[in-house]
């Protein structure tokens, strides 16, 4: 593991963390803290994936409140904007906020699509097929 020099701590730190995340990892505590943060990011990043897959497979977001998701995405957006406005925001904080916002927006879009657009299209298609079946049925049964 190569080292870089952290100006803030005025001592050597982990080079890749400094380069990619602009974070000084100068001691074991910093390394554990950063590692736990990355594990947390990955866990939260994949937490919504099972719901997204379930919605896709069932073509429904039944059981997930749209009001809940809209409130959640509003909080994510405020968090993301706060990260963008604060110059001291670490890249890991920004990436976390961006990941949360994207995954929650996907859930909101699925909810809107499957519970409104898809249902409406499916209902419309069913009515058209039913009308076609009615058109093919003779009005007067054939007598033999």
N, C-alpha and C. Protein backbone atom coordinates (compact mmCIF):
# COMPACT_ATOMS: atom_id res chain seq x y z
N UNK A 1 0.86 -1.16 0.00
CA UNK A 1 0.00 0.00 0.00
C UNK A 1 0.91 1.23 0.00
N UNK A 2 0.80 2.04 -1.06
CA UNK A 2 1.65 3.23 -1.14
C UNK A 2 1.03 4.38 -0.34
N UNK A 3 1.90 5.24 0.12
CA UNK A 3 1.46 6.34 0.98
C UNK A 3 1.55 7.68 0.26
N UNK A 4 0.67 8.57 0.66
CA UNK A 4 0.69 9.96 0.20
C UNK A 4 0.87 10.81 1.45
N UNK A 5 1.01 12.10 1.25
CA UNK A 5 1.15 12.99 2.39
C UNK A 5 -0.13 13.78 2.54
N UNK A 6 -0.70 13.74 3.74
CA UNK A 6 -1.93 14.46 4.04
C UNK A 6 -1.57 15.82 4.63
N UNK A 7 -1.92 16.88 3.92
CA UNK A 7 -1.60 18.23 4.38
C UNK A 7 -2.39 18.58 5.64
N UNK A 8 -3.62 18.09 5.71
CA UNK A 8 -4.48 18.40 6.86
C UNK A 8 -3.92 17.79 8.15
N UNK A 9 -3.54 16.53 8.08
CA UNK A 9 -3.01 15.83 9.25
C UNK A 9 -1.50 16.00 9.39
N UNK A 10 -0.85 16.44 8.33
CA UNK A 10 0.60 16.61 8.26
C UNK A 10 1.34 15.33 8.60
N UNK A 11 0.88 14.25 7.96
CA UNK A 11 1.55 12.97 8.09
C UNK A 11 1.17 12.08 6.91
N UNK A 12 1.85 10.97 6.74
CA UNK A 12 1.55 10.07 5.62
C UNK A 12 0.15 9.46 5.74
N UNK A 13 -0.46 9.22 4.59
CA UNK A 13 -1.79 8.60 4.57
C UNK A 13 -1.89 7.66 3.36
N UNK A 14 -3.00 6.96 3.25
CA UNK A 14 -3.22 5.99 2.18
C UNK A 14 -3.43 6.74 0.85
N UNK A 15 -2.59 6.43 -0.14
CA UNK A 15 -2.59 7.17 -1.40
C UNK A 15 -3.91 7.05 -2.17
N UNK A 16 -4.44 5.83 -2.36
CA UNK A 16 -5.64 5.67 -3.19
C UNK A 16 -6.85 6.37 -2.58
N UNK A 17 -6.96 6.38 -1.27
CA UNK A 17 -8.08 7.08 -0.62
C UNK A 17 -7.93 8.59 -0.81
N UNK A 18 -6.70 9.07 -0.74
CA UNK A 18 -6.43 10.49 -0.96
C UNK A 18 -6.72 10.87 -2.41
N UNK A 19 -6.30 10.01 -3.34
CA UNK A 19 -6.44 10.31 -4.76
C UNK A 19 -7.90 10.28 -5.22
N UNK A 20 -8.62 9.21 -4.88
CA UNK A 20 -9.96 9.02 -5.42
C UNK A 20 -11.07 9.61 -4.55
N UNK A 21 -10.85 9.68 -3.25
CA UNK A 21 -11.91 10.13 -2.35
C UNK A 21 -11.55 11.41 -1.60
N UNK A 22 -10.34 11.92 -1.83
CA UNK A 22 -9.87 13.14 -1.14
C UNK A 22 -10.05 13.02 0.37
N UNK A 23 -9.74 11.84 0.87
CA UNK A 23 -9.89 11.54 2.29
C UNK A 23 -8.55 11.08 2.84
N UNK A 24 -8.16 11.61 3.98
CA UNK A 24 -6.90 11.23 4.61
C UNK A 24 -7.14 10.05 5.55
N UNK A 25 -6.50 8.94 5.25
CA UNK A 25 -6.54 7.77 6.13
C UNK A 25 -5.13 7.63 6.70
N UNK A 26 -4.94 8.23 7.86
CA UNK A 26 -3.59 8.32 8.42
C UNK A 26 -3.33 7.37 9.57
N UNK A 27 -4.36 6.71 10.06
CA UNK A 27 -4.17 5.75 11.15
C UNK A 27 -5.20 4.64 11.02
N UNK A 28 -5.08 3.65 11.89
CA UNK A 28 -5.96 2.49 11.83
C UNK A 28 -7.43 2.87 12.04
N UNK A 29 -7.67 3.81 12.93
CA UNK A 29 -9.05 4.25 13.18
C UNK A 29 -9.66 4.86 11.91
N UNK A 30 -8.91 5.70 11.21
CA UNK A 30 -9.38 6.29 9.96
C UNK A 30 -9.70 5.21 8.93
N UNK A 31 -8.82 4.21 8.85
CA UNK A 31 -9.01 3.13 7.88
C UNK A 31 -10.26 2.32 8.20
N UNK A 32 -10.48 2.01 9.48
CA UNK A 32 -11.69 1.29 9.87
C UNK A 32 -12.94 2.12 9.58
N UNK A 33 -12.88 3.39 9.93
CA UNK A 33 -14.02 4.28 9.70
C UNK A 33 -14.36 4.35 8.21
N UNK A 34 -13.35 4.52 7.39
CA UNK A 34 -13.56 4.60 5.94
C UNK A 34 -14.09 3.27 5.41
N UNK A 35 -13.54 2.16 5.88
CA UNK A 35 -13.98 0.83 5.43
C UNK A 35 -15.43 0.58 5.81
N UNK A 36 -15.80 0.90 7.05
CA UNK A 36 -17.20 0.73 7.46
C UNK A 36 -18.13 1.61 6.63
N UNK A 37 -17.67 2.81 6.31
CA UNK A 37 -18.46 3.71 5.47
C UNK A 37 -18.68 3.14 4.08
N UNK A 38 -17.63 2.55 3.50
CA UNK A 38 -17.77 1.94 2.17
C UNK A 38 -18.69 0.73 2.21
N UNK A 39 -18.58 -0.10 3.25
CA UNK A 39 -19.48 -1.25 3.38
C UNK A 39 -20.92 -0.77 3.53
N UNK A 40 -21.13 0.27 4.31
CA UNK A 40 -22.46 0.85 4.46
C UNK A 40 -22.99 1.34 3.11
N UNK A 41 -22.14 2.00 2.35
CA UNK A 41 -22.53 2.50 1.03
C UNK A 41 -22.97 1.35 0.12
N UNK A 42 -22.21 0.28 0.11
CA UNK A 42 -22.55 -0.88 -0.72
C UNK A 42 -23.87 -1.50 -0.26
N UNK A 43 -24.03 -1.65 1.05
CA UNK A 43 -25.28 -2.23 1.58
C UNK A 43 -26.49 -1.38 1.19
N UNK A 44 -26.40 -0.09 1.39
CA UNK A 44 -27.50 0.80 1.02
C UNK A 44 -27.68 0.84 -0.49
N UNK A 45 -26.59 0.70 -1.21
CA UNK A 45 -26.67 0.72 -2.67
C UNK A 45 -27.42 -0.46 -3.25
N UNK A 46 -27.32 -1.61 -2.59
CA UNK A 46 -28.01 -2.80 -3.10
C UNK A 46 -29.32 -3.07 -2.37
N UNK A 47 -29.64 -2.30 -1.35
CA UNK A 47 -30.84 -2.55 -0.54
C UNK A 47 -32.13 -2.46 -1.35
N UNK A 48 -32.19 -1.57 -2.31
CA UNK A 48 -33.42 -1.38 -3.08
C UNK A 48 -33.49 -2.28 -4.30
N UNK A 49 -32.40 -2.95 -4.65
CA UNK A 49 -32.38 -3.79 -5.84
C UNK A 49 -33.40 -4.92 -5.79
N UNK A 50 -33.56 -5.65 -4.67
CA UNK A 50 -34.59 -6.70 -4.66
C UNK A 50 -36.00 -6.16 -4.94
N UNK A 51 -36.32 -4.97 -4.42
CA UNK A 51 -37.63 -4.38 -4.68
C UNK A 51 -37.77 -3.99 -6.15
N UNK A 52 -36.72 -3.43 -6.72
CA UNK A 52 -36.74 -3.05 -8.13
C UNK A 52 -36.95 -4.29 -9.01
N UNK A 53 -36.26 -5.39 -8.70
CA UNK A 53 -36.40 -6.63 -9.46
C UNK A 53 -37.80 -7.21 -9.29
N UNK A 54 -38.32 -7.22 -8.06
CA UNK A 54 -39.67 -7.73 -7.81
C UNK A 54 -40.70 -6.92 -8.58
N UNK A 55 -40.58 -5.60 -8.56
CA UNK A 55 -41.50 -4.75 -9.32
C UNK A 55 -41.45 -5.09 -10.80
N UNK A 56 -40.26 -5.29 -11.32
CA UNK A 56 -40.09 -5.60 -12.74
C UNK A 56 -40.72 -6.95 -13.08
N UNK A 57 -40.46 -7.95 -12.26
CA UNK A 57 -40.99 -9.30 -12.54
C UNK A 57 -42.50 -9.36 -12.44
N UNK A 58 -43.07 -8.69 -11.45
CA UNK A 58 -44.52 -8.75 -11.25
C UNK A 58 -45.26 -7.67 -12.03
N UNK A 59 -44.52 -6.75 -12.63
CA UNK A 59 -45.11 -5.61 -13.36
C UNK A 59 -46.06 -4.84 -12.46
N UNK A 60 -45.66 -4.69 -11.21
CA UNK A 60 -46.47 -3.98 -10.22
C UNK A 60 -45.56 -3.48 -9.10
N UNK A 61 -45.97 -2.39 -8.49
CA UNK A 61 -45.26 -1.95 -7.28
C UNK A 61 -46.23 -1.99 -6.11
N UNK A 62 -47.18 -2.91 -6.19
CA UNK A 62 -48.17 -3.09 -5.13
C UNK A 62 -47.47 -3.35 -3.80
N UNK A 63 -47.91 -2.68 -2.78
CA UNK A 63 -47.33 -2.85 -1.46
C UNK A 63 -46.28 -1.80 -1.12
N UNK A 64 -45.90 -0.98 -2.10
CA UNK A 64 -44.95 0.10 -1.84
C UNK A 64 -45.71 1.41 -2.03
N UNK A 65 -45.83 2.17 -0.97
CA UNK A 65 -46.58 3.42 -1.01
C UNK A 65 -45.87 4.46 -1.86
N UNK A 66 -46.59 5.01 -2.83
CA UNK A 66 -46.02 6.06 -3.68
C UNK A 66 -45.72 7.31 -2.86
N UNK A 67 -46.59 7.62 -1.89
CA UNK A 67 -46.35 8.79 -1.02
C UNK A 67 -45.05 8.60 -0.22
N UNK A 68 -44.82 7.38 0.26
CA UNK A 68 -43.58 7.07 0.97
C UNK A 68 -42.38 7.30 0.06
N UNK A 69 -42.45 6.78 -1.16
CA UNK A 69 -41.33 6.91 -2.09
C UNK A 69 -41.09 8.36 -2.49
N UNK A 70 -42.16 9.13 -2.69
CA UNK A 70 -42.00 10.54 -3.06
C UNK A 70 -41.37 11.33 -1.91
N UNK A 71 -41.76 11.02 -0.68
CA UNK A 71 -41.14 11.66 0.48
C UNK A 71 -39.67 11.27 0.58
N UNK A 72 -39.40 10.01 0.34
CA UNK A 72 -38.03 9.49 0.38
C UNK A 72 -37.16 10.17 -0.68
N UNK A 73 -37.68 10.28 -1.90
CA UNK A 73 -36.89 10.90 -2.98
C UNK A 73 -36.69 12.39 -2.71
N UNK A 74 -37.67 13.04 -2.09
CA UNK A 74 -37.50 14.46 -1.73
C UNK A 74 -36.34 14.61 -0.75
N UNK A 75 -36.29 13.74 0.26
CA UNK A 75 -35.18 13.77 1.22
C UNK A 75 -33.85 13.49 0.54
N UNK A 76 -33.84 12.53 -0.40
CA UNK A 76 -32.61 12.22 -1.13
C UNK A 76 -32.14 13.41 -1.96
N UNK A 77 -33.08 14.09 -2.59
CA UNK A 77 -32.72 15.25 -3.42
C UNK A 77 -32.16 16.38 -2.56
N UNK A 78 -32.80 16.64 -1.41
CA UNK A 78 -32.27 17.67 -0.51
C UNK A 78 -30.87 17.30 -0.02
N UNK A 79 -30.65 16.04 0.28
CA UNK A 79 -29.33 15.56 0.69
C UNK A 79 -28.31 15.78 -0.43
N UNK A 80 -28.68 15.43 -1.65
CA UNK A 80 -27.78 15.59 -2.79
C UNK A 80 -27.45 17.07 -3.04
N UNK A 81 -28.46 17.92 -3.00
CA UNK A 81 -28.23 19.36 -3.20
C UNK A 81 -27.35 19.91 -2.08
N UNK A 82 -27.60 19.47 -0.84
CA UNK A 82 -26.75 19.88 0.28
C UNK A 82 -25.30 19.50 0.06
N UNK A 83 -25.08 18.29 -0.47
CA UNK A 83 -23.71 17.85 -0.77
C UNK A 83 -23.07 18.72 -1.85
N UNK A 84 -23.86 19.10 -2.84
CA UNK A 84 -23.32 19.92 -3.92
C UNK A 84 -23.01 21.34 -3.46
N UNK A 85 -23.79 21.85 -2.52
CA UNK A 85 -23.60 23.23 -2.05
C UNK A 85 -22.48 23.36 -1.02
N UNK A 86 -22.17 22.29 -0.33
CA UNK A 86 -21.14 22.33 0.72
C UNK A 86 -19.77 22.00 0.12
N UNK A 87 -18.85 22.96 0.12
CA UNK A 87 -17.54 22.71 -0.49
C UNK A 87 -16.72 21.65 0.25
N UNK A 88 -16.99 21.41 1.51
CA UNK A 88 -16.20 20.44 2.28
C UNK A 88 -16.74 19.01 2.14
N UNK A 89 -17.75 18.81 1.30
CA UNK A 89 -18.32 17.48 1.13
C UNK A 89 -17.29 16.53 0.53
N UNK A 90 -17.14 15.38 1.15
CA UNK A 90 -16.23 14.36 0.63
C UNK A 90 -16.89 13.67 -0.56
N UNK A 91 -16.11 13.20 -1.50
CA UNK A 91 -16.70 12.47 -2.64
C UNK A 91 -17.56 11.28 -2.21
N UNK A 92 -17.17 10.60 -1.13
CA UNK A 92 -17.98 9.47 -0.67
C UNK A 92 -19.38 9.92 -0.26
N UNK A 93 -19.48 11.09 0.35
CA UNK A 93 -20.79 11.62 0.73
C UNK A 93 -21.61 11.95 -0.51
N UNK A 94 -20.97 12.54 -1.50
CA UNK A 94 -21.66 12.87 -2.75
C UNK A 94 -22.12 11.60 -3.47
N UNK A 95 -21.23 10.60 -3.58
CA UNK A 95 -21.58 9.36 -4.27
C UNK A 95 -22.74 8.65 -3.55
N UNK A 96 -22.71 8.68 -2.23
CA UNK A 96 -23.80 8.07 -1.46
C UNK A 96 -25.11 8.77 -1.75
N UNK A 97 -25.12 10.09 -1.70
CA UNK A 97 -26.33 10.86 -1.97
C UNK A 97 -26.83 10.61 -3.39
N UNK A 98 -25.92 10.55 -4.34
CA UNK A 98 -26.29 10.31 -5.73
C UNK A 98 -26.88 8.91 -5.90
N UNK A 99 -26.26 7.92 -5.29
CA UNK A 99 -26.75 6.54 -5.37
C UNK A 99 -28.14 6.42 -4.77
N UNK A 100 -28.35 7.00 -3.59
CA UNK A 100 -29.67 6.96 -2.96
C UNK A 100 -30.72 7.60 -3.85
N UNK A 101 -30.39 8.76 -4.40
CA UNK A 101 -31.35 9.48 -5.24
C UNK A 101 -31.71 8.68 -6.48
N UNK A 102 -30.73 8.13 -7.15
CA UNK A 102 -30.99 7.36 -8.37
C UNK A 102 -31.85 6.14 -8.08
N UNK A 103 -31.50 5.36 -7.06
CA UNK A 103 -32.26 4.14 -6.78
C UNK A 103 -33.69 4.45 -6.34
N UNK A 104 -33.88 5.52 -5.58
CA UNK A 104 -35.23 5.88 -5.16
C UNK A 104 -36.04 6.42 -6.33
N UNK A 105 -35.41 7.18 -7.21
CA UNK A 105 -36.11 7.66 -8.42
C UNK A 105 -36.55 6.48 -9.28
N UNK A 106 -35.72 5.45 -9.39
CA UNK A 106 -36.10 4.25 -10.14
C UNK A 106 -37.36 3.63 -9.53
N UNK A 107 -37.41 3.52 -8.21
CA UNK A 107 -38.60 2.97 -7.55
C UNK A 107 -39.83 3.83 -7.79
N UNK A 108 -39.68 5.15 -7.74
CA UNK A 108 -40.81 6.06 -7.99
C UNK A 108 -41.29 5.89 -9.43
N UNK A 109 -40.37 5.86 -10.38
CA UNK A 109 -40.75 5.69 -11.78
C UNK A 109 -41.44 4.35 -12.02
N UNK A 110 -40.95 3.30 -11.36
CA UNK A 110 -41.61 2.00 -11.47
C UNK A 110 -43.03 2.08 -10.92
N UNK A 111 -43.18 2.72 -9.77
CA UNK A 111 -44.51 2.86 -9.17
C UNK A 111 -45.46 3.60 -10.09
N UNK A 112 -45.01 4.69 -10.66
CA UNK A 112 -45.86 5.46 -11.58
C UNK A 112 -46.17 4.66 -12.83
N UNK A 113 -45.17 4.00 -13.38
CA UNK A 113 -45.37 3.25 -14.62
C UNK A 113 -46.27 2.03 -14.40
N UNK A 114 -45.88 1.14 -13.49
CA UNK A 114 -46.62 -0.11 -13.33
C UNK A 114 -48.01 0.09 -12.74
N UNK A 115 -48.18 1.02 -11.84
CA UNK A 115 -49.48 1.18 -11.20
C UNK A 115 -50.39 2.16 -11.91
N UNK A 116 -49.88 2.88 -12.90
CA UNK A 116 -50.73 3.84 -13.61
C UNK A 116 -50.65 3.63 -15.12
N UNK A 117 -49.51 3.85 -15.72
CA UNK A 117 -49.37 3.76 -17.18
C UNK A 117 -49.57 2.33 -17.66
N UNK A 118 -48.85 1.37 -17.10
CA UNK A 118 -48.94 -0.03 -17.53
C UNK A 118 -50.34 -0.57 -17.31
N UNK A 119 -50.92 -0.27 -16.17
CA UNK A 119 -52.28 -0.74 -15.86
C UNK A 119 -53.28 -0.14 -16.87
N UNK A 120 -53.14 1.15 -17.19
CA UNK A 120 -54.03 1.80 -18.14
C UNK A 120 -53.89 1.18 -19.53
N UNK A 121 -52.64 0.96 -19.98
CA UNK A 121 -52.41 0.34 -21.29
C UNK A 121 -52.95 -1.08 -21.34
N UNK A 122 -52.76 -1.82 -20.25
CA UNK A 122 -53.23 -3.20 -20.18
C UNK A 122 -54.75 -3.24 -20.22
N UNK A 123 -55.39 -2.33 -19.50
CA UNK A 123 -56.85 -2.25 -19.47
C UNK A 123 -57.39 -1.87 -20.84
N UNK A 124 -56.74 -0.93 -21.48
CA UNK A 124 -57.15 -0.48 -22.81
C UNK A 124 -57.01 -1.63 -23.82
N UNK A 125 -55.92 -2.37 -23.74
CA UNK A 125 -55.68 -3.50 -24.64
C UNK A 125 -56.73 -4.58 -24.42
N UNK A 126 -57.08 -4.84 -23.17
CA UNK A 126 -58.09 -5.84 -22.85
C UNK A 126 -59.44 -5.44 -23.45
N UNK A 127 -59.79 -4.16 -23.36
CA UNK A 127 -61.06 -3.69 -23.92
C UNK A 127 -61.07 -3.82 -25.43
N UNK A 128 -59.96 -3.53 -26.10
CA UNK A 128 -59.87 -3.66 -27.55
C UNK A 128 -60.01 -5.12 -27.95
N UNK A 129 -59.32 -6.03 -27.25
CA UNK A 129 -59.42 -7.46 -27.54
C UNK A 129 -60.84 -7.97 -27.31
N UNK A 130 -61.48 -7.48 -26.27
CA UNK A 130 -62.84 -7.89 -25.96
C UNK A 130 -63.78 -7.41 -27.06
N UNK A 131 -63.56 -6.20 -27.56
CA UNK A 131 -64.38 -5.65 -28.64
C UNK A 131 -64.18 -6.47 -29.91
N UNK A 132 -62.94 -6.87 -30.21
CA UNK A 132 -62.67 -7.70 -31.38
C UNK A 132 -63.39 -9.04 -31.27
N UNK A 133 -63.39 -9.63 -30.08
CA UNK A 133 -64.10 -10.90 -29.87
C UNK A 133 -65.59 -10.72 -30.08
N UNK A 134 -66.14 -9.60 -29.62
CA UNK A 134 -67.57 -9.33 -29.80
C UNK A 134 -67.90 -9.14 -31.28
N UNK A 135 -66.99 -8.53 -32.04
CA UNK A 135 -67.21 -8.30 -33.47
C UNK A 135 -67.20 -9.62 -34.23
N UNK A 136 -66.46 -10.60 -33.77
CA UNK A 136 -66.36 -11.87 -34.47
C UNK A 136 -67.50 -12.82 -34.09
N UNK A 137 -68.21 -12.55 -33.03
CA UNK A 137 -69.31 -13.40 -32.61
C UNK A 137 -70.55 -13.03 -33.42
N UNK A 138 -71.17 -14.00 -34.08
CA UNK A 138 -72.37 -13.68 -34.86
C UNK A 138 -73.50 -13.22 -33.94
N UNK A 139 -74.27 -12.25 -34.45
CA UNK A 139 -75.39 -11.74 -33.66
C UNK A 139 -76.52 -12.76 -33.60
N UNK A 140 -76.70 -13.47 -34.69
CA UNK A 140 -77.77 -14.45 -34.75
C UNK A 140 -77.14 -15.83 -34.86
N UNK A 141 -77.39 -16.69 -33.91
CA UNK A 141 -76.77 -18.02 -33.99
C UNK A 141 -77.28 -18.78 -35.22
N UNK A 142 -76.39 -19.57 -35.77
CA UNK A 142 -76.76 -20.38 -36.94
C UNK A 142 -77.67 -21.52 -36.49
N UNK A 143 -78.70 -21.76 -37.32
CA UNK A 143 -79.64 -22.84 -37.02
C UNK A 143 -79.27 -24.02 -37.90
N UNK A 144 -79.20 -25.20 -37.33
CA UNK A 144 -78.85 -26.36 -38.14
C UNK A 144 -80.05 -27.23 -38.39
